[in-house]
Amino acid sequence: KEAWKQRLGGQFAASPVITADRIYCFDQRGKTTVLAAGPSVKPLAVNSLDEGCFASPAAVDGSLFVRGKAHLYCIGN
């Protein structure tokens, strides 16, 4: 059953990543949209990387590993 839909704009090659309470969406230009994981759409933040994201990020031990065009980023504690 579909709970909600949200258009974010941009072009995406990476799949969204869901953690315990957040959904992370990285587009090809580096825009990162963070949404609350829940029964309704709730945007939490919009950030940007210096380079785009073309691969699905990996969530490991509370951190996100994101591969950009030329770098690997670790976002977390």
N, C-alpha and C. Protein backbone atom coordinates (compact mmCIF):
# COMPACT_ATOMS: atom_id res chain seq x y z
N LYS A 1 0.85 -1.18 0.00
CA LYS A 1 0.00 0.00 0.00
C LYS A 1 0.89 1.24 0.00
N GLU A 2 0.64 2.12 -0.93
CA GLU A 2 1.40 3.36 -1.04
C GLU A 2 0.99 4.34 0.06
N ALA A 3 1.96 4.85 0.78
CA ALA A 3 1.68 5.81 1.86
C ALA A 3 1.67 7.24 1.34
N TRP A 4 2.65 7.59 0.46
CA TRP A 4 2.72 8.93 -0.10
C TRP A 4 3.65 8.96 -1.29
N LYS A 5 3.58 10.03 -2.08
CA LYS A 5 4.48 10.29 -3.22
C LYS A 5 5.01 11.70 -3.07
N GLN A 6 6.25 11.90 -3.56
CA GLN A 6 6.81 13.25 -3.52
C GLN A 6 7.78 13.41 -4.69
N ARG A 7 7.59 14.40 -5.53
CA ARG A 7 8.54 14.71 -6.59
C ARG A 7 9.59 15.64 -6.02
N LEU A 8 10.86 15.28 -6.24
CA LEU A 8 11.96 16.08 -5.69
C LEU A 8 12.61 16.95 -6.74
N GLY A 9 12.38 16.68 -8.01
CA GLY A 9 13.07 17.38 -9.08
C GLY A 9 14.48 16.83 -9.21
N GLY A 10 15.12 17.05 -10.32
CA GLY A 10 16.48 16.55 -10.53
C GLY A 10 16.48 15.19 -11.21
N GLN A 11 17.68 14.73 -11.50
CA GLN A 11 17.88 13.43 -12.14
C GLN A 11 18.56 12.51 -11.14
N PHE A 12 18.04 11.29 -11.03
CA PHE A 12 18.54 10.35 -10.05
C PHE A 12 19.04 9.08 -10.71
N ALA A 13 20.23 8.63 -10.31
CA ALA A 13 20.76 7.33 -10.70
C ALA A 13 20.83 6.44 -9.47
N ALA A 14 20.97 7.04 -8.30
CA ALA A 14 21.08 6.31 -7.04
C ALA A 14 19.70 6.02 -6.46
N SER A 15 19.57 4.89 -5.82
CA SER A 15 18.34 4.55 -5.10
C SER A 15 18.28 5.31 -3.79
N PRO A 16 17.09 5.64 -3.31
CA PRO A 16 16.98 6.25 -1.99
C PRO A 16 17.49 5.27 -0.93
N VAL A 17 18.00 5.81 0.17
CA VAL A 17 18.46 4.99 1.29
C VAL A 17 17.59 5.32 2.50
N ILE A 18 17.08 4.29 3.15
CA ILE A 18 16.24 4.48 4.33
C ILE A 18 17.00 4.00 5.55
N THR A 19 17.09 4.87 6.55
CA THR A 19 17.65 4.48 7.85
C THR A 19 16.47 4.34 8.81
N ALA A 20 16.71 4.29 10.07
CA ALA A 20 15.64 4.09 11.06
C ALA A 20 14.52 5.12 10.93
N ASP A 21 14.87 6.38 10.71
CA ASP A 21 13.83 7.41 10.70
C ASP A 21 13.97 8.44 9.58
N ARG A 22 14.88 8.18 8.63
CA ARG A 22 15.12 9.15 7.55
C ARG A 22 15.25 8.46 6.20
N ILE A 23 14.88 9.21 5.15
CA ILE A 23 15.07 8.76 3.77
C ILE A 23 16.01 9.76 3.11
N TYR A 24 17.11 9.26 2.54
CA TYR A 24 18.11 10.11 1.88
C TYR A 24 18.04 9.90 0.38
N CYS A 25 17.93 11.00 -0.38
CA CYS A 25 17.86 10.95 -1.84
C CYS A 25 18.98 11.83 -2.40
N PHE A 26 19.89 11.21 -3.15
CA PHE A 26 21.05 11.91 -3.73
C PHE A 26 20.86 11.99 -5.23
N ASP A 27 20.88 13.21 -5.80
CA ASP A 27 20.73 13.31 -7.25
C ASP A 27 22.09 13.43 -7.95
N GLN A 28 22.06 13.42 -9.27
CA GLN A 28 23.29 13.39 -10.07
C GLN A 28 24.08 14.69 -10.01
N ARG A 29 23.48 15.77 -9.56
CA ARG A 29 24.19 17.05 -9.44
C ARG A 29 24.73 17.29 -8.04
N GLY A 30 24.42 16.39 -7.09
CA GLY A 30 24.92 16.53 -5.74
C GLY A 30 23.91 17.01 -4.73
N LYS A 31 22.69 17.30 -5.16
CA LYS A 31 21.64 17.73 -4.22
C LYS A 31 21.19 16.52 -3.40
N THR A 32 21.15 16.70 -2.10
CA THR A 32 20.72 15.64 -1.18
C THR A 32 19.47 16.12 -0.46
N THR A 33 18.39 15.37 -0.58
CA THR A 33 17.15 15.69 0.10
C THR A 33 16.94 14.65 1.19
N VAL A 34 16.66 15.13 2.41
CA VAL A 34 16.42 14.25 3.54
C VAL A 34 14.95 14.39 3.95
N LEU A 35 14.25 13.26 3.99
CA LEU A 35 12.84 13.23 4.36
C LEU A 35 12.66 12.38 5.61
N ALA A 36 11.65 12.69 6.40
CA ALA A 36 11.32 11.84 7.54
C ALA A 36 10.65 10.58 7.01
N ALA A 37 11.03 9.44 7.54
CA ALA A 37 10.38 8.18 7.18
C ALA A 37 9.14 8.06 8.05
N GLY A 38 7.98 8.17 7.44
CA GLY A 38 6.74 8.13 8.20
C GLY A 38 5.54 8.09 7.30
N PRO A 39 4.36 8.23 7.86
CA PRO A 39 3.12 8.09 7.10
C PRO A 39 2.78 9.28 6.21
N SER A 40 3.52 10.40 6.34
CA SER A 40 3.28 11.57 5.49
C SER A 40 4.62 12.17 5.08
N VAL A 41 4.60 13.00 4.03
CA VAL A 41 5.81 13.64 3.54
C VAL A 41 6.23 14.73 4.51
N LYS A 42 7.48 14.65 4.97
CA LYS A 42 8.01 15.68 5.85
C LYS A 42 9.47 15.92 5.50
N PRO A 43 9.74 16.96 4.67
CA PRO A 43 11.14 17.30 4.36
C PRO A 43 11.87 17.78 5.61
N LEU A 44 13.09 17.28 5.80
CA LEU A 44 13.90 17.67 6.95
C LEU A 44 15.06 18.58 6.58
N ALA A 45 15.67 18.33 5.41
CA ALA A 45 16.84 19.12 5.01
C ALA A 45 17.13 18.94 3.53
N VAL A 46 17.81 19.93 2.97
CA VAL A 46 18.36 19.85 1.61
C VAL A 46 19.81 20.29 1.72
N ASN A 47 20.71 19.44 1.26
CA ASN A 47 22.15 19.72 1.32
C ASN A 47 22.73 19.48 -0.06
N SER A 48 24.01 19.81 -0.23
CA SER A 48 24.65 19.52 -1.51
C SER A 48 26.07 19.01 -1.31
N LEU A 49 26.46 18.12 -2.20
CA LEU A 49 27.84 17.65 -2.28
C LEU A 49 28.53 18.44 -3.37
N ASP A 50 29.85 18.51 -3.32
CA ASP A 50 30.59 19.24 -4.34
C ASP A 50 30.52 18.57 -5.71
N GLU A 51 30.17 17.30 -5.73
CA GLU A 51 30.06 16.55 -6.98
C GLU A 51 28.80 15.71 -6.93
N GLY A 52 28.37 15.22 -8.06
CA GLY A 52 27.14 14.44 -8.12
C GLY A 52 27.28 13.06 -7.53
N CYS A 53 26.16 12.38 -7.44
CA CYS A 53 26.11 11.02 -6.90
C CYS A 53 25.46 10.13 -7.95
N PHE A 54 26.19 9.10 -8.40
CA PHE A 54 25.69 8.21 -9.44
C PHE A 54 25.51 6.78 -8.96
N ALA A 55 25.82 6.50 -7.70
CA ALA A 55 25.70 5.15 -7.16
C ALA A 55 24.89 5.22 -5.87
N SER A 56 24.21 4.15 -5.56
CA SER A 56 23.40 4.11 -4.34
C SER A 56 24.30 4.12 -3.11
N PRO A 57 24.04 5.01 -2.15
CA PRO A 57 24.82 5.06 -0.92
C PRO A 57 24.63 3.79 -0.08
N ALA A 58 25.56 3.58 0.83
CA ALA A 58 25.47 2.45 1.76
C ALA A 58 25.40 2.98 3.18
N ALA A 59 24.48 2.44 3.97
CA ALA A 59 24.35 2.81 5.38
C ALA A 59 25.05 1.75 6.22
N VAL A 60 26.06 2.18 7.01
CA VAL A 60 26.84 1.26 7.85
C VAL A 60 27.07 1.90 9.21
N ASP A 61 26.63 1.24 10.26
CA ASP A 61 26.87 1.67 11.65
C ASP A 61 26.60 3.16 11.89
N GLY A 62 25.49 3.65 11.40
CA GLY A 62 25.12 5.04 11.64
C GLY A 62 25.74 6.05 10.70
N SER A 63 26.51 5.61 9.72
CA SER A 63 27.11 6.51 8.74
C SER A 63 26.63 6.16 7.33
N LEU A 64 26.65 7.14 6.45
CA LEU A 64 26.34 6.91 5.04
C LEU A 64 27.63 7.04 4.23
N PHE A 65 27.89 6.08 3.37
CA PHE A 65 29.01 6.14 2.45
C PHE A 65 28.45 6.46 1.08
N VAL A 66 28.93 7.57 0.51
CA VAL A 66 28.39 8.09 -0.75
C VAL A 66 29.53 8.22 -1.74
N ARG A 67 29.39 7.60 -2.90
CA ARG A 67 30.41 7.73 -3.93
C ARG A 67 30.03 8.84 -4.89
N GLY A 68 30.90 9.83 -4.97
CA GLY A 68 30.72 10.91 -5.92
C GLY A 68 31.46 10.59 -7.21
N LYS A 69 31.61 11.59 -8.07
CA LYS A 69 32.34 11.39 -9.33
C LYS A 69 33.80 11.05 -9.10
N ALA A 70 34.41 11.66 -8.08
CA ALA A 70 35.85 11.47 -7.87
C ALA A 70 36.21 11.11 -6.42
N HIS A 71 35.26 11.18 -5.50
CA HIS A 71 35.57 10.96 -4.09
C HIS A 71 34.57 10.03 -3.44
N LEU A 72 34.96 9.44 -2.32
CA LEU A 72 34.07 8.67 -1.47
C LEU A 72 33.85 9.48 -0.20
N TYR A 73 32.60 9.77 0.11
CA TYR A 73 32.25 10.56 1.29
C TYR A 73 31.71 9.64 2.38
N CYS A 74 32.03 9.96 3.62
CA CYS A 74 31.44 9.31 4.78
C CYS A 74 30.70 10.39 5.56
N ILE A 75 29.40 10.24 5.67
CA ILE A 75 28.56 11.22 6.36
C ILE A 75 28.06 10.56 7.63
N GLY A 76 28.44 11.11 8.76
CA GLY A 76 28.00 10.53 10.03
C GLY A 76 28.92 10.94 11.15
N ASN A 77 28.81 10.23 12.25
CA ASN A 77 29.61 10.55 13.44
C ASN A 77 30.99 9.96 13.36
